[in-house]
């Protein structure tokens, strides 16, 4: 804001029909807003601080998202005592001679009587770390955000990070709480995801699918796209601290889209996916049933081939299907053969086929994700909608699990960071027994345990994402399935630990919805939605060892 006011000028605006307050040296006109202020005594509270500095009262009951939400509407200026940020200093102009000089690469020279190693033709310079980014709270962001070196991320990732974060900070974070309460994210946000090219980048593909959408992120060349760009989008979208929001905009697509794109018939993919990736239509994955969760091989939803061999008739039910209530397409696991994994196929069922009914389920967490109970009654599906080969759908499912579980890991670790970041910032404000929370050793111990688990898990994540990028889908399914299952369990237990410790640090504020503890309260409810879907922790840990032993036996393990 360009206007500045003295404290005495602000003090003149202290009446109900002319009410200004100061928060962090910024001046806000709340004259019209006061009737919207929540709480039975909302207006009285504002009247008590009219014309005064209300910073202490504001931060006692609100978090940063509230300020972001209303700042543009209500701020009228700043105090004249507020220090203005100095403009960046332009780089010094080098002397004329230096402009034409070529940079020489230092190389050791051999001298008589001395043995020195000689470098090759091209002497590589040590890569510089990237500029610090974000609030720089230790461990609240990945280390490469905070000027640590990284072998995985480069300037294209940094540019995408800035693009996504700017959008999230302005268009998403201020509204996440009300969307969660409403159990719905506006369709316009999903549409923007398509138009920004983010949806197309969330399919776990080795190459950006330019053949399926005209949209792409502005700051990254599609031929440079890699798995770490996808990691980054998911990570930054998770910063508002809402599993419901993340699942709403990428949950169905991220697990329902890849099987169709990788194994579907070209004509069907070309017909369906452009409208999905553009944000006009939605797709989800329908595997889990009322009586078949982690035990996928025993699903009972049945698809019978018609006598003319042109259609499948599908009957059955699916449960806990993310986004299902809004979806046009259902990537569905069905039984086309005998018992067990050998009788499972994958079909793309379209809502317009008729016989598809959906109803929203009320769950403990991820409120805005659209968790759905789906019923298929005599749905007539063209055989062209078979994904992969008949009775070989289990391979499609297993290939898809790696991408699904890595997505869960990325979200869990960012949510863990959110719990940690919220806690460490609150611990610097809150005072008990005459000193700040952060000055109590027991609080620092809690934060340290949170940080060590987050950083260890994230290092494992980076390694496995790199392996996925370098391997084809079949090799990754065989080699990485066990490790990814183990990391999924590690990430969800880390998330649960961090949510609990953050709740302890916030105390009663994390037990009530809204206010300073809003993110912690919401994430605490979301924990089970990550610990169970995609494979429960117990099954993941068992799978991690069984799969590792199987793989390493094939590699020649010696015991």
Protein backbone atom coordinates (compact mmCIF):
# COMPACT_ATOMS: atom_id res chain seq x y z
CA UNK A 1 0.00 0.00 0.00
CA UNK A 2 1.33 3.48 -0.85
CA UNK A 3 -0.50 5.44 1.89
CA UNK A 4 1.11 5.95 5.29
CA UNK A 5 -0.48 7.09 8.54
CA UNK A 6 0.78 8.21 11.92
CA UNK A 7 -0.39 6.43 15.04
CA UNK A 8 -2.45 9.51 16.01
CA UNK A 9 -4.20 9.50 12.63
CA UNK A 10 -5.19 5.86 13.11
CA UNK A 11 -6.38 6.61 16.66
CA UNK A 12 -8.94 9.04 15.25
CA UNK A 13 -10.77 6.13 13.59
CA UNK A 14 -12.12 4.51 16.75
CA UNK A 15 -15.88 4.64 16.36
CA UNK A 16 -18.21 1.84 15.23
CA UNK A 17 -18.99 3.74 12.03
CA UNK A 18 -15.32 4.50 11.40
CA UNK A 19 -13.17 1.65 12.70
CA UNK A 20 -9.50 1.13 11.90
CA UNK A 21 -6.98 -1.19 13.51
CA UNK A 22 -3.27 -1.89 13.15
CA UNK A 23 -1.80 -5.38 12.68
CA UNK A 24 1.98 -5.67 12.29
CA UNK A 25 2.23 -1.96 11.40
CA UNK A 26 -0.29 -2.31 8.55
CA UNK A 27 -3.55 -0.35 8.80
CA UNK A 28 -6.93 -1.98 8.13
CA UNK A 29 -10.39 -0.43 7.75
CA UNK A 30 -12.85 -2.81 9.43
CA UNK A 31 -15.88 -0.50 9.39
CA UNK A 32 -17.89 -2.67 7.01
CA UNK A 33 -16.20 -5.94 7.93
CA UNK A 34 -17.11 -5.80 11.63
CA UNK A 35 -20.58 -7.25 11.04
CA UNK A 36 -18.95 -10.28 9.38
CA UNK A 37 -16.49 -10.89 12.22
CA UNK A 38 -17.35 -14.34 13.64
CA UNK A 39 -18.30 -15.09 17.22
CA UNK A 40 -21.09 -13.86 19.46
CA UNK A 41 -18.95 -10.95 20.62
CA UNK A 42 -17.23 -10.36 17.30
CA UNK A 43 -18.14 -6.68 16.99
CA UNK A 44 -17.43 -5.93 20.65
CA UNK A 45 -13.92 -7.35 20.29
CA UNK A 46 -13.22 -5.04 17.36
CA UNK A 47 -14.68 -2.04 19.20
CA UNK A 48 -12.22 -2.60 22.06
CA UNK A 49 -9.21 -2.36 19.73
CA UNK A 50 -10.57 0.36 17.43
CA UNK A 51 -7.90 2.90 16.56
CA UNK A 52 -5.22 0.80 18.28
CA UNK A 53 -2.53 -1.76 17.55
CA UNK A 54 -4.39 -5.08 17.59
CA UNK A 55 -1.44 -7.28 16.60
CA UNK A 56 -1.29 -9.16 19.90
CA UNK A 57 -5.03 -9.86 19.93
CA UNK A 58 -5.04 -10.84 16.25
CA UNK A 59 -2.27 -13.41 16.49
CA UNK A 60 -3.73 -14.84 19.66
CA UNK A 61 -6.78 -16.10 17.79
CA UNK A 62 -5.83 -16.26 14.10
CA UNK A 63 -3.26 -17.79 11.80
CA UNK A 64 -1.50 -16.38 8.76
CA UNK A 65 -4.08 -17.64 6.26
CA UNK A 66 -6.70 -15.25 7.69
CA UNK A 67 -4.41 -12.29 7.12
CA UNK A 68 -3.68 -13.42 3.57
CA UNK A 69 -7.37 -13.87 2.86
CA UNK A 70 -8.50 -10.38 3.89
CA UNK A 71 -5.39 -8.23 3.44
CA UNK A 72 -6.13 -7.23 -0.13
CA UNK A 73 -9.71 -6.24 0.73
CA UNK A 74 -9.21 -4.40 4.01
CA UNK A 75 -5.72 -2.88 4.13
CA UNK A 76 -5.72 0.89 3.56
CA UNK A 77 -2.04 1.59 4.23
CA UNK A 78 0.77 1.25 6.77
CA UNK A 79 2.14 3.17 9.72
CA UNK A 80 4.74 5.77 8.87
CA UNK A 81 7.05 4.02 11.30
CA UNK A 82 7.09 0.81 9.25
CA UNK A 83 10.37 0.21 7.53
CA UNK A 84 9.98 -0.22 3.79
CA UNK A 85 11.83 -3.07 2.13
CA UNK A 86 14.87 -1.72 0.34
CA UNK A 87 14.97 -2.32 -3.43
CA UNK A 88 17.48 -4.96 -4.50
CA UNK A 89 20.94 -3.60 -5.17
CA UNK A 90 21.80 -3.93 -8.88
CA UNK A 91 24.93 -5.90 -9.64
CA UNK A 92 28.04 -3.84 -10.11
CA UNK A 93 29.00 -3.21 -13.72
CA UNK A 94 32.23 -5.04 -14.45
CA UNK A 95 35.13 -3.08 -15.95
CA UNK A 96 35.25 -3.10 -19.76
CA UNK A 97 38.25 -5.41 -19.90
CA UNK A 98 36.56 -8.00 -17.73
CA UNK A 99 33.60 -8.21 -20.11
CA UNK A 100 35.71 -9.62 -22.92
CA UNK A 101 37.90 -11.88 -20.87
CA UNK A 102 37.18 -15.57 -21.07
CA UNK A 103 36.93 -17.40 -17.79
CA UNK A 104 39.89 -19.71 -17.41
CA UNK A 105 39.51 -23.06 -15.75
CA UNK A 106 42.29 -23.63 -13.31
CA UNK A 107 44.23 -26.83 -13.90
CA UNK A 108 47.30 -28.13 -12.06
CA UNK A 109 50.58 -27.89 -13.96
CA UNK A 110 53.26 -30.56 -13.94
CA UNK A 111 56.61 -29.50 -12.53
CA UNK A 112 59.94 -31.26 -12.74
CA UNK A 113 60.34 -33.79 -9.98
CA UNK A 114 56.70 -33.58 -8.93
CA UNK A 115 53.93 -36.08 -9.68
CA UNK A 116 50.51 -34.47 -9.99
CA UNK A 117 47.20 -35.88 -11.27
CA UNK A 118 46.26 -34.42 -14.63
CA UNK A 119 42.60 -33.53 -15.26
CA UNK A 120 40.71 -34.64 -18.33
CA UNK A 121 39.88 -32.36 -21.27
CA UNK A 122 36.82 -30.91 -19.60
CA UNK A 123 37.37 -29.84 -16.02
CA UNK A 124 33.98 -29.56 -14.33
CA UNK A 125 33.31 -26.70 -11.98
CA UNK A 126 31.62 -27.41 -8.68
CA UNK A 127 27.91 -26.64 -9.08
CA UNK A 128 26.60 -23.90 -6.86
CA UNK A 129 23.64 -24.43 -4.58
CA UNK A 130 20.47 -22.53 -5.40
CA UNK A 131 19.36 -19.38 -3.64
CA UNK A 132 17.56 -19.77 -0.28
CA UNK A 133 13.79 -19.88 -0.64
CA UNK A 134 10.84 -19.61 1.73
CA UNK A 135 10.82 -18.74 5.41
CA UNK A 136 14.09 -20.65 6.03
CA UNK A 137 12.80 -22.34 9.18
CA UNK A 138 15.18 -25.32 9.57
CA UNK A 139 13.62 -28.57 8.30
CA UNK A 140 10.31 -26.85 7.42
CA UNK A 141 11.23 -27.21 3.73
CA UNK A 142 13.47 -29.68 1.89
CA UNK A 143 17.14 -28.85 2.34
CA UNK A 144 17.64 -27.71 -1.26
CA UNK A 145 15.20 -24.83 -0.54
CA UNK A 146 17.69 -23.66 2.08
CA UNK A 147 20.87 -23.40 -0.03
CA UNK A 148 22.02 -27.00 0.41
CA UNK A 149 23.43 -28.78 -2.64
CA UNK A 150 21.23 -31.27 -4.49
CA UNK A 151 21.90 -33.80 -7.27
CA UNK A 152 18.20 -34.02 -8.15
CA UNK A 153 16.83 -30.48 -8.52
CA UNK A 154 17.90 -27.67 -10.86
CA UNK A 155 16.75 -24.19 -11.87
CA UNK A 156 13.74 -25.53 -13.77
CA UNK A 157 12.49 -27.09 -10.54
CA UNK A 158 13.08 -23.84 -8.67
CA UNK A 159 11.08 -21.93 -11.30
CA UNK A 160 8.20 -24.40 -11.07
CA UNK A 161 8.31 -24.19 -7.27
CA UNK A 162 7.89 -20.42 -7.43
CA UNK A 163 5.05 -20.70 -9.93
CA UNK A 164 3.08 -23.25 -7.89
CA UNK A 165 3.73 -21.60 -4.53
CA UNK A 166 2.61 -18.17 -5.74
CA UNK A 167 -0.66 -19.66 -6.97
CA UNK A 168 -1.19 -21.68 -3.78
CA UNK A 169 -0.45 -18.71 -1.50
CA UNK A 170 -2.88 -16.38 -3.26
CA UNK A 171 -5.66 -18.63 -4.55
CA UNK A 172 -5.75 -21.66 -2.27
CA UNK A 173 -4.32 -21.39 1.23
CA UNK A 174 -6.61 -18.56 2.40
CA UNK A 175 -9.71 -20.61 1.50
CA UNK A 176 -8.76 -24.20 2.35
CA UNK A 177 -10.49 -24.18 5.75
CA UNK A 178 -13.83 -23.05 4.36
CA UNK A 179 -13.57 -25.54 1.49
CA UNK A 180 -12.89 -28.30 3.98
CA UNK A 181 -15.93 -27.30 6.03
CA UNK A 182 -18.05 -27.12 2.86
CA UNK A 183 -16.64 -30.53 1.79
CA UNK A 184 -16.04 -29.22 -1.73
CA UNK A 185 -13.30 -27.39 -3.60
CA UNK A 186 -14.61 -25.06 -6.33
CA UNK A 187 -14.57 -26.65 -9.78
CA UNK A 188 -12.71 -23.57 -11.02
CA UNK A 189 -9.62 -24.66 -9.05
CA UNK A 190 -9.57 -28.05 -10.77
CA UNK A 191 -10.02 -26.29 -14.10
CA UNK A 192 -7.06 -24.03 -13.31
CA UNK A 193 -5.01 -27.13 -12.51
CA UNK A 194 -5.67 -28.28 -16.07
CA UNK A 195 -4.99 -24.92 -17.69
CA UNK A 196 -1.70 -24.54 -15.80
CA UNK A 197 -0.58 -27.94 -17.07
CA UNK A 198 -0.35 -29.44 -13.60
CA UNK A 199 -2.88 -32.24 -14.13
CA UNK A 200 -0.94 -33.61 -17.10
CA UNK A 201 2.22 -33.61 -15.01
CA UNK A 202 0.78 -35.83 -12.29
CA UNK A 203 0.46 -39.13 -14.16
CA UNK A 204 3.84 -40.67 -13.30
CA UNK A 205 4.90 -40.70 -16.96
CA UNK A 206 8.51 -40.50 -18.12
CA UNK A 207 7.55 -37.90 -20.73
CA UNK A 208 5.11 -35.00 -20.45
CA UNK A 209 1.98 -36.01 -22.45
CA UNK A 210 1.93 -33.17 -24.99
CA UNK A 211 -0.12 -35.41 -27.31
CA UNK A 212 -3.02 -35.36 -24.84
CA UNK A 213 -3.23 -31.69 -23.84
CA UNK A 214 -2.42 -28.27 -25.21
CA UNK A 215 -1.53 -27.02 -21.73
CA UNK A 216 1.85 -27.17 -19.96
CA UNK A 217 3.55 -25.32 -17.11
CA UNK A 218 4.92 -22.02 -18.42
CA UNK A 219 8.27 -22.18 -16.66
CA UNK A 220 9.40 -25.69 -17.67
CA UNK A 221 10.10 -26.96 -21.15
CA UNK A 222 8.11 -30.19 -21.59
CA UNK A 223 11.16 -31.98 -23.00
CA UNK A 224 12.91 -31.32 -19.68
CA UNK A 225 10.06 -32.69 -17.57
CA UNK A 226 11.03 -35.36 -15.03
CA UNK A 227 9.74 -37.17 -11.95
CA UNK A 228 11.05 -34.46 -9.65
CA UNK A 229 8.82 -31.84 -11.28
CA UNK A 230 5.85 -34.05 -10.39
CA UNK A 231 7.17 -34.50 -6.84
CA UNK A 232 7.46 -30.73 -6.55
CA UNK A 233 3.89 -30.00 -7.68
CA UNK A 234 2.43 -32.51 -5.21
CA UNK A 235 4.67 -31.23 -2.42
CA UNK A 236 3.76 -27.57 -2.93
CA UNK A 237 0.04 -28.34 -3.27
CA UNK A 238 0.25 -30.06 0.13
CA UNK A 239 1.59 -26.97 1.94
CA UNK A 240 -1.89 -25.63 2.91
CA UNK A 241 -2.18 -28.67 5.16
CA UNK A 242 -5.35 -30.26 3.84
CA UNK A 243 -5.51 -33.86 2.65
CA UNK A 244 -9.04 -33.20 1.45
CA UNK A 245 -7.88 -30.41 -0.85
CA UNK A 246 -4.99 -32.43 -2.29
CA UNK A 247 -7.13 -35.48 -2.89
CA UNK A 248 -9.85 -33.34 -4.44
CA UNK A 249 -7.64 -31.93 -7.16
CA UNK A 250 -5.25 -34.81 -7.84
CA UNK A 251 -6.44 -37.87 -5.92
CA UNK A 252 -8.70 -39.42 -8.53
CA UNK A 253 -6.63 -38.44 -11.54
CA UNK A 254 -3.29 -39.44 -10.02
CA UNK A 255 -4.37 -43.06 -9.54
CA UNK A 256 -7.21 -43.40 -12.06
CA UNK A 257 -5.47 -41.80 -15.04
CA UNK A 258 -2.14 -43.71 -15.31
CA UNK A 259 -3.66 -47.19 -15.93
CA UNK A 260 -5.71 -45.84 -18.83
CA UNK A 261 -2.86 -43.84 -20.35
CA UNK A 262 -0.33 -46.68 -20.05
CA UNK A 263 -2.50 -49.70 -20.88
CA UNK A 264 -5.68 -48.38 -22.54
CA UNK A 265 -6.44 -48.59 -26.25
CA UNK A 266 -5.20 -45.54 -28.13
CA UNK A 267 -8.62 -44.58 -29.47
CA UNK A 268 -10.11 -44.58 -25.97
CA UNK A 269 -7.17 -42.70 -24.47
CA UNK A 270 -7.32 -40.06 -27.21
CA UNK A 271 -11.07 -39.66 -26.70
CA UNK A 272 -11.11 -39.50 -22.90
CA UNK A 273 -7.87 -38.05 -21.56
CA UNK A 274 -7.74 -34.59 -23.22
CA UNK A 275 -10.94 -33.47 -21.49
CA UNK A 276 -9.63 -34.89 -18.19
CA UNK A 277 -6.22 -33.24 -18.41
CA UNK A 278 -7.78 -29.93 -19.47
CA UNK A 279 -9.81 -29.95 -16.24
CA UNK A 280 -13.22 -30.37 -17.89
CA UNK A 281 -13.94 -33.94 -16.76
CA UNK A 282 -12.79 -36.21 -13.93
CA UNK A 283 -11.53 -39.75 -13.60
CA UNK A 284 -10.99 -41.96 -10.53
CA UNK A 285 -9.77 -45.41 -9.56
CA UNK A 286 -12.38 -47.90 -8.34
CA UNK A 287 -10.75 -50.96 -6.79
CA UNK A 288 -11.67 -51.18 -3.09
CA UNK A 289 -14.92 -52.93 -2.19
CA UNK A 290 -16.89 -53.27 1.05
CA UNK A 291 -15.27 -56.69 1.59
CA UNK A 292 -12.00 -56.27 -0.34
CA UNK A 293 -9.54 -53.61 0.74
CA UNK A 294 -5.86 -54.53 0.80
CA UNK A 295 -6.89 -58.03 -0.31
CA UNK A 296 -7.36 -56.87 -3.90
CA UNK A 297 -7.19 -60.34 -5.46
CA UNK A 298 -10.50 -61.29 -3.80
CA UNK A 299 -12.69 -58.53 -5.23
CA UNK A 300 -16.15 -59.59 -6.40
CA UNK A 301 -17.42 -56.82 -8.71
CA UNK A 302 -18.33 -58.87 -11.80
CA UNK A 303 -18.08 -58.17 -15.53
CA UNK A 304 -19.69 -60.73 -17.84
CA UNK A 305 -19.10 -60.72 -21.58
CA UNK A 306 -22.26 -60.53 -23.69
CA UNK A 307 -23.02 -63.34 -26.18
CA UNK A 308 -22.05 -61.15 -29.13
CA UNK A 309 -18.70 -60.40 -27.45
CA UNK A 310 -19.12 -56.62 -27.83
CA UNK A 311 -19.83 -55.55 -24.26
CA UNK A 312 -19.24 -56.39 -20.61
CA UNK A 313 -22.17 -56.22 -18.20
CA UNK A 314 -20.89 -54.96 -14.85
CA UNK A 315 -22.54 -55.48 -11.47
CA UNK A 316 -21.04 -54.77 -8.07
CA UNK A 317 -20.10 -52.14 -5.52
CA UNK A 318 -17.02 -50.08 -4.75
CA UNK A 319 -16.33 -48.22 -1.51
CA UNK A 320 -14.10 -45.34 -0.35
CA UNK A 321 -13.57 -44.17 -3.94
CA UNK A 322 -11.81 -40.79 -3.99
CA UNK A 323 -13.57 -38.17 -6.16
CA UNK A 324 -16.15 -40.72 -7.28
CA UNK A 325 -19.15 -38.48 -6.58
CA UNK A 326 -17.91 -35.99 -9.22
CA UNK A 327 -16.36 -38.38 -11.74
CA UNK A 328 -17.27 -39.04 -15.36
CA UNK A 329 -14.92 -42.03 -15.69
CA UNK A 330 -14.13 -44.94 -13.36
CA UNK A 331 -10.98 -47.03 -13.89
CA UNK A 332 -12.45 -50.15 -12.36
CA UNK A 333 -11.13 -53.53 -11.21
CA UNK A 334 -13.62 -56.27 -12.10
CA UNK A 335 -13.76 -60.04 -12.04
CA UNK A 336 -13.91 -61.51 -15.55
CA UNK A 337 -12.47 -64.94 -14.75
CA UNK A 338 -12.01 -67.37 -11.89
CA UNK A 339 -10.95 -66.76 -8.32
CA UNK A 340 -7.83 -64.92 -7.29
CA UNK A 341 -5.56 -62.50 -9.10
CA UNK A 342 -5.75 -64.44 -12.36
CA UNK A 343 -9.41 -63.58 -12.87
CA UNK A 344 -9.15 -59.79 -12.48
CA UNK A 345 -9.44 -57.29 -15.35
CA UNK A 346 -9.50 -53.50 -15.59
CA UNK A 347 -12.31 -51.63 -17.33
CA UNK A 348 -12.96 -47.95 -18.00
CA UNK A 349 -16.59 -47.46 -16.96
CA UNK A 350 -18.21 -44.21 -18.10
CA UNK A 351 -21.01 -42.62 -16.10
CA UNK A 352 -22.96 -41.96 -19.28
CA UNK A 353 -23.18 -45.71 -19.90
CA UNK A 354 -26.02 -45.72 -17.36
CA UNK A 355 -26.42 -47.87 -14.28
CA UNK A 356 -23.75 -45.97 -12.31
CA UNK A 357 -24.87 -44.43 -9.02
CA UNK A 358 -22.71 -42.62 -6.46
CA UNK A 359 -23.24 -41.25 -2.98
CA UNK A 360 -20.88 -39.26 -0.78
CA UNK A 361 -19.52 -40.92 2.35
CA UNK A 362 -18.90 -39.02 5.57
CA UNK A 363 -15.45 -39.87 6.88
CA UNK A 364 -13.15 -38.91 9.74
CA UNK A 365 -10.83 -36.82 7.58
CA UNK A 366 -10.12 -35.51 4.07
CA UNK A 367 -13.59 -33.98 4.06
CA UNK A 368 -13.37 -32.19 0.71
CA UNK A 369 -12.01 -35.21 -1.20
CA UNK A 370 -15.38 -36.61 -2.26
CA UNK A 371 -15.05 -40.10 -0.75
CA UNK A 372 -17.73 -42.14 -2.50
CA UNK A 373 -19.76 -45.35 -2.43
CA UNK A 374 -20.27 -46.52 -6.04
CA UNK A 375 -22.86 -48.99 -7.29
CA UNK A 376 -22.80 -50.58 -10.75
CA UNK A 377 -26.08 -52.12 -11.89
CA UNK A 378 -26.09 -53.84 -15.28
CA UNK A 379 -23.68 -51.27 -16.71
CA UNK A 380 -23.05 -51.97 -20.40
CA UNK A 381 -19.37 -51.33 -21.16
CA UNK A 382 -17.87 -51.65 -24.67
CA UNK A 383 -15.04 -54.22 -24.89
CA UNK A 384 -12.87 -51.42 -26.29
CA UNK A 385 -12.82 -50.01 -22.76
CA UNK A 386 -10.81 -52.98 -21.50
CA UNK A 387 -7.54 -51.68 -20.01
CA UNK A 388 -4.74 -54.12 -20.73
CA UNK A 389 -5.68 -57.74 -21.40
CA UNK A 390 -8.57 -59.73 -20.02
CA UNK A 391 -7.75 -61.52 -16.76
CA UNK A 392 -4.39 -59.68 -16.60
CA UNK A 393 -5.62 -56.63 -14.74
CA UNK A 394 -3.68 -57.47 -11.61
CA UNK A 395 -0.44 -56.49 -13.36
CA UNK A 396 -1.99 -53.12 -14.21
CA UNK A 397 -2.99 -52.66 -10.57
CA UNK A 398 0.44 -53.62 -9.24
CA UNK A 399 2.22 -51.29 -11.67
CA UNK A 400 -0.05 -48.47 -10.56
CA UNK A 401 0.55 -49.02 -6.84
CA UNK A 402 4.11 -47.62 -6.95
CA UNK A 403 2.92 -44.26 -8.29
CA UNK A 404 -0.03 -44.13 -5.90
CA UNK A 405 2.11 -44.88 -2.85
CA UNK A 406 4.83 -42.41 -3.77
CA UNK A 407 2.12 -39.75 -4.06
CA UNK A 408 0.95 -40.65 -0.55
CA UNK A 409 4.54 -40.43 0.72
CA UNK A 410 5.08 -36.97 -0.77
CA UNK A 411 1.89 -35.67 0.84
CA UNK A 412 2.61 -37.28 4.21
CA UNK A 413 6.08 -35.80 4.44
CA UNK A 414 4.89 -32.29 3.53
CA UNK A 415 2.06 -32.61 6.07
CA UNK A 416 4.67 -33.67 8.62
CA UNK A 417 6.67 -30.55 7.75
CA UNK A 418 3.53 -28.43 8.14
CA UNK A 419 2.95 -29.86 11.62
CA UNK A 420 6.59 -29.20 12.47
CA UNK A 421 6.62 -25.68 11.00
CA UNK A 422 3.39 -24.67 12.69
CA UNK A 423 4.77 -26.01 15.98
CA UNK A 424 8.14 -24.28 15.86
CA UNK A 425 6.57 -20.94 14.91
CA UNK A 426 3.97 -21.23 17.66
CA UNK A 427 6.66 -22.26 20.15
CA UNK A 428 8.45 -18.96 19.50
CA UNK A 429 5.26 -16.99 20.33
CA UNK A 430 3.61 -18.89 23.15
CA UNK A 431 4.89 -18.30 26.71
CA UNK A 432 4.42 -20.63 29.68
CA UNK A 433 5.94 -20.45 33.14
CA UNK A 434 7.63 -17.17 32.30
CA UNK A 435 9.38 -18.22 29.08
CA UNK A 436 8.68 -19.18 25.49
CA UNK A 437 7.77 -22.75 24.65
CA UNK A 438 10.89 -23.04 22.49
CA UNK A 439 12.99 -22.36 25.59
CA UNK A 440 11.71 -25.53 27.28
CA UNK A 441 14.01 -28.51 26.52
CA UNK A 442 11.06 -30.91 26.27
CA UNK A 443 9.59 -28.88 23.40
CA UNK A 444 12.91 -28.80 21.55
CA UNK A 445 13.11 -32.57 22.02
CA UNK A 446 9.72 -32.99 20.37
CA UNK A 447 10.76 -30.80 17.45
CA UNK A 448 14.04 -32.68 17.05
CA UNK A 449 12.28 -36.04 16.86
CA UNK A 450 9.90 -34.65 14.26
CA UNK A 451 12.75 -33.23 12.16
CA UNK A 452 14.93 -36.36 12.20
CA UNK A 453 12.09 -38.56 10.95
CA UNK A 454 11.06 -36.09 8.25
CA UNK A 455 14.57 -35.64 6.87
CA UNK A 456 15.41 -39.35 6.88
CA UNK A 457 12.16 -40.22 5.11
CA UNK A 458 12.59 -37.46 2.53
CA UNK A 459 16.11 -38.62 1.66
CA UNK A 460 14.71 -42.11 1.01
CA UNK A 461 11.93 -40.56 -1.09
CA UNK A 462 14.39 -38.65 -3.29
CA UNK A 463 16.38 -41.83 -3.91
CA UNK A 464 13.32 -43.88 -4.88
CA UNK A 465 11.91 -41.15 -7.14
CA UNK A 466 15.28 -41.09 -8.92
CA UNK A 467 15.13 -44.88 -9.37
CA UNK A 468 11.60 -44.62 -10.77
CA UNK A 469 12.81 -42.02 -13.23
CA UNK A 470 15.66 -44.23 -14.43
CA UNK A 471 13.74 -47.55 -14.61
CA UNK A 472 10.92 -48.58 -16.89
CA UNK A 473 7.57 -49.44 -15.30
CA UNK A 474 8.12 -53.20 -15.26
CA UNK A 475 11.59 -52.98 -13.70
CA UNK A 476 10.33 -50.46 -11.17
CA UNK A 477 7.38 -52.68 -10.27
CA UNK A 478 9.68 -55.64 -9.65
CA UNK A 479 12.59 -53.89 -7.95
CA UNK A 480 11.00 -50.98 -6.13
CA UNK A 481 7.66 -52.33 -4.97
CA UNK A 482 9.03 -53.52 -1.62
CA UNK A 483 11.07 -50.39 -0.90
CA UNK A 484 8.19 -48.08 -1.80
CA UNK A 485 5.86 -50.11 0.44
CA UNK A 486 8.36 -49.72 3.29
CA UNK A 487 8.66 -45.99 2.69
CA UNK A 488 4.89 -45.64 2.58
CA UNK A 489 4.71 -47.12 6.09
CA UNK A 490 7.63 -44.96 7.22
CA UNK A 491 5.97 -41.79 5.88
CA UNK A 492 2.56 -42.45 7.41
CA UNK A 493 4.01 -43.26 10.83
CA UNK A 494 6.12 -40.11 10.59
CA UNK A 495 2.99 -38.11 9.73
CA UNK A 496 1.09 -39.63 12.65
CA UNK A 497 3.96 -38.88 15.04
CA UNK A 498 4.30 -35.28 13.87
CA UNK A 499 0.54 -34.65 14.02
CA UNK A 500 0.41 -35.95 17.58
CA UNK A 501 3.45 -33.99 18.76
CA UNK A 502 2.18 -30.81 17.10
CA UNK A 503 -1.16 -31.33 18.84
CA UNK A 504 0.64 -31.62 22.17
CA UNK A 505 2.58 -28.42 21.53
CA UNK A 506 -0.53 -26.47 20.54
CA UNK A 507 -2.61 -27.90 23.37
CA UNK A 508 -6.28 -26.92 23.32
CA UNK A 509 -5.82 -24.85 20.14
CA UNK A 510 -5.35 -28.07 18.17
CA UNK A 511 -8.56 -29.55 19.55
CA UNK A 512 -10.89 -26.85 18.22
CA UNK A 513 -11.50 -26.26 14.53
CA UNK A 514 -10.23 -22.99 13.09
CA UNK A 515 -7.89 -20.43 14.59
CA UNK A 516 -4.17 -20.83 15.12
CA UNK A 517 -4.35 -24.60 15.45
CA UNK A 518 -6.56 -25.13 12.39
CA UNK A 519 -3.96 -26.93 10.28
CA UNK A 520 -2.86 -29.22 13.10
CA UNK A 521 -6.44 -30.11 14.03
CA UNK A 522 -7.32 -30.86 10.40
CA UNK A 523 -4.19 -32.90 9.71
CA UNK A 524 -4.68 -34.92 12.89
CA UNK A 525 -8.05 -36.01 11.45
CA UNK A 526 -6.45 -36.81 8.08
CA UNK A 527 -3.82 -39.22 9.45
CA UNK A 528 -5.86 -42.40 9.11
CA UNK A 529 -6.76 -41.53 5.52
CA UNK A 530 -3.07 -41.97 4.72
CA UNK A 531 -2.18 -44.86 7.04
CA UNK A 532 -4.85 -47.17 5.59
CA UNK A 533 -5.50 -46.45 1.84
CA UNK A 534 -2.88 -47.60 -0.63
CA UNK A 535 -2.06 -50.49 1.69
CA UNK A 536 -2.20 -50.44 5.48
CA UNK A 537 1.05 -50.05 7.42
CA UNK A 538 1.10 -53.67 8.58
CA UNK A 539 0.66 -55.04 5.07
CA UNK A 540 3.17 -52.56 3.65
CA UNK A 541 5.87 -53.54 6.13
CA UNK A 542 5.35 -57.25 5.49
CA UNK A 543 5.35 -56.66 1.72
CA UNK A 544 8.54 -54.61 1.94
CA UNK A 545 10.51 -57.56 3.32
CA UNK A 546 8.87 -60.29 1.24
CA UNK A 547 9.39 -58.33 -1.99
CA UNK A 548 12.98 -57.39 -1.13
CA UNK A 549 13.90 -61.01 -0.42
CA UNK A 550 12.29 -62.14 -3.68
CA UNK A 551 14.14 -59.50 -5.72
CA UNK A 552 17.51 -60.06 -4.11
CA UNK A 553 17.21 -63.82 -4.42
CA UNK A 554 16.88 -63.26 -8.17
CA UNK A 555 19.91 -60.96 -8.04
CA UNK A 556 22.01 -63.69 -6.41
CA UNK A 557 21.63 -63.02 -2.70
CA UNK A 558 23.93 -65.12 -0.50
CA UNK A 559 22.81 -66.03 3.02
